């Protein structure tokens, strides 16, 4: 375990994730738009959906994509 810790923090200036960031950026933008609309119309469900999309696009899906390509 101790040998893996430094390997997890090495800097790679050109990582190869194997996926284009465009779908993630579009999903994040859609999440922001849905969240703002949810705030304007005071619909908690839309706000939650927007936050969920932002979370998926910025953390969960890129993490899954990175783990699968390794």
C-alpha atoms as a PDB file:
ATOM      1  CA  UNK A   1       0.000   0.000   0.000  1.00  0.00           C
ATOM      2  CA  UNK A   2       2.832   2.390   0.820  1.00  0.00           C
ATOM      3  CA  UNK A   3       4.382   1.913  -2.631  1.00  0.00           C
ATOM      4  CA  UNK A   4       1.093   2.716  -4.390  1.00  0.00           C
ATOM      5  CA  UNK A   5       0.568   6.018  -2.608  1.00  0.00           C
ATOM      6  CA  UNK A   6       3.358   7.974  -4.394  1.00  0.00           C
ATOM      7  CA  UNK A   7       2.245   6.495  -7.736  1.00  0.00           C
ATOM      8  CA  UNK A   8      -1.235   7.939  -7.204  1.00  0.00           C
ATOM      9  CA  UNK A   9       0.159  11.475  -6.953  1.00  0.00           C
ATOM     10  CA  UNK A  10       2.547  11.519  -9.907  1.00  0.00           C
ATOM     11  CA  UNK A  11       1.905  14.276 -12.418  1.00  0.00           C
ATOM     12  CA  UNK A  12       1.207  13.297 -16.019  1.00  0.00           C
ATOM     13  CA  UNK A  13       1.289  16.394 -18.263  1.00  0.00           C
ATOM     14  CA  UNK A  14      -0.621  14.675 -21.064  1.00  0.00           C
ATOM     15  CA  UNK A  15      -2.974  12.065 -19.619  1.00  0.00           C
ATOM     16  CA  UNK A  16      -4.742   9.760 -22.054  1.00  0.00           C
ATOM     17  CA  UNK A  17      -8.249   9.291 -20.713  1.00  0.00           C
ATOM     18  CA  UNK A  18      -9.531   7.765 -23.922  1.00  0.00           C
ATOM     19  CA  UNK A  19     -12.595   9.987 -24.047  1.00  0.00           C
ATOM     20  CA  UNK A  20     -13.395  13.403 -25.407  1.00  0.00           C
ATOM     21  CA  UNK A  21     -14.356  15.946 -22.731  1.00  0.00           C
ATOM     22  CA  UNK A  22     -17.108  17.425 -24.950  1.00  0.00           C
ATOM     23  CA  UNK A  23     -19.964  15.169 -23.690  1.00  0.00           C
ATOM     24  CA  UNK A  24     -19.014  15.875 -20.080  1.00  0.00           C
ATOM     25  CA  UNK A  25     -18.941  19.632 -20.679  1.00  0.00           C
ATOM     26  CA  UNK A  26     -22.310  19.543 -22.459  1.00  0.00           C
ATOM     27  CA  UNK A  27     -23.845  17.494 -19.634  1.00  0.00           C
ATOM     28  CA  UNK A  28     -22.467  19.910 -17.048  1.00  0.00           C
ATOM     29  CA  UNK A  29     -23.840  22.909 -18.971  1.00  0.00           C
ATOM     30  CA  UNK A  30     -27.239  21.208 -19.225  1.00  0.00           C
ATOM     31  CA  UNK A  31     -27.139  20.606 -15.472  1.00  0.00           C
ATOM     32  CA  UNK A  32     -26.501  24.286 -14.817  1.00  0.00           C
ATOM     33  CA  UNK A  33     -29.334  25.325 -17.149  1.00  0.00           C
ATOM     34  CA  UNK A  34     -31.771  22.855 -15.578  1.00  0.00           C
ATOM     35  CA  UNK A  35     -30.731  23.946 -12.087  1.00  0.00           C
ATOM     36  CA  UNK A  36     -31.236  27.627 -12.904  1.00  0.00           C
ATOM     37  CA  UNK A  37     -34.637  26.926 -14.456  1.00  0.00           C
ATOM     38  CA  UNK A  38     -35.531  24.922 -11.359  1.00  0.00           C
ATOM     39  CA  UNK A  39     -34.643  27.872  -9.141  1.00  0.00           C
ATOM     40  CA  UNK A  40     -36.617  30.300 -11.312  1.00  0.00           C
ATOM     41  CA  UNK A  41     -39.790  28.203 -11.305  1.00  0.00           C
ATOM     42  CA  UNK A  42     -39.164  27.013  -7.721  1.00  0.00           C
ATOM     43  CA  UNK A  43     -39.214  23.318  -8.634  1.00  0.00           C
ATOM     44  CA  UNK A  44     -37.044  21.347  -6.234  1.00  0.00           C
ATOM     45  CA  UNK A  45     -37.016  18.343  -8.541  1.00  0.00           C
ATOM     46  CA  UNK A  46     -35.397  20.314 -11.348  1.00  0.00           C
ATOM     47  CA  UNK A  47     -32.804  21.756  -8.983  1.00  0.00           C
ATOM     48  CA  UNK A  48     -31.935  18.260  -7.749  1.00  0.00           C
ATOM     49  CA  UNK A  49     -31.780  16.975 -11.329  1.00  0.00           C
ATOM     50  CA  UNK A  50     -29.457  19.819 -12.313  1.00  0.00           C
ATOM     51  CA  UNK A  51     -27.160  19.193  -9.354  1.00  0.00           C
ATOM     52  CA  UNK A  52     -27.157  15.476 -10.168  1.00  0.00           C
ATOM     53  CA  UNK A  53     -26.177  16.099 -13.778  1.00  0.00           C
ATOM     54  CA  UNK A  54     -23.366  18.416 -12.712  1.00  0.00           C
ATOM     55  CA  UNK A  55     -22.090  15.779 -10.256  1.00  0.00           C
ATOM     56  CA  UNK A  56     -22.247  13.062 -12.898  1.00  0.00           C
ATOM     57  CA  UNK A  57     -20.498  15.165 -15.535  1.00  0.00           C
ATOM     58  CA  UNK A  58     -17.727  16.535 -13.331  1.00  0.00           C
ATOM     59  CA  UNK A  59     -16.914  13.592 -11.093  1.00  0.00           C
ATOM     60  CA  UNK A  60     -18.632  10.247 -11.507  1.00  0.00           C
ATOM     61  CA  UNK A  61     -18.581   9.640 -15.278  1.00  0.00           C
ATOM     62  CA  UNK A  62     -14.997  10.895 -15.794  1.00  0.00           C
ATOM     63  CA  UNK A  63     -13.900   8.691 -12.887  1.00  0.00           C
ATOM     64  CA  UNK A  64     -15.603   5.638 -14.367  1.00  0.00           C
ATOM     65  CA  UNK A  65     -14.142   6.405 -17.799  1.00  0.00           C
ATOM     66  CA  UNK A  66     -10.653   6.772 -16.345  1.00  0.00           C
ATOM     67  CA  UNK A  67     -10.891   3.545 -14.324  1.00  0.00           C
ATOM     68  CA  UNK A  68     -12.206   1.567 -17.291  1.00  0.00           C
ATOM     69  CA  UNK A  69      -9.424   2.782 -19.600  1.00  0.00           C
ATOM     70  CA  UNK A  70      -6.698   1.709 -17.161  1.00  0.00           C
END
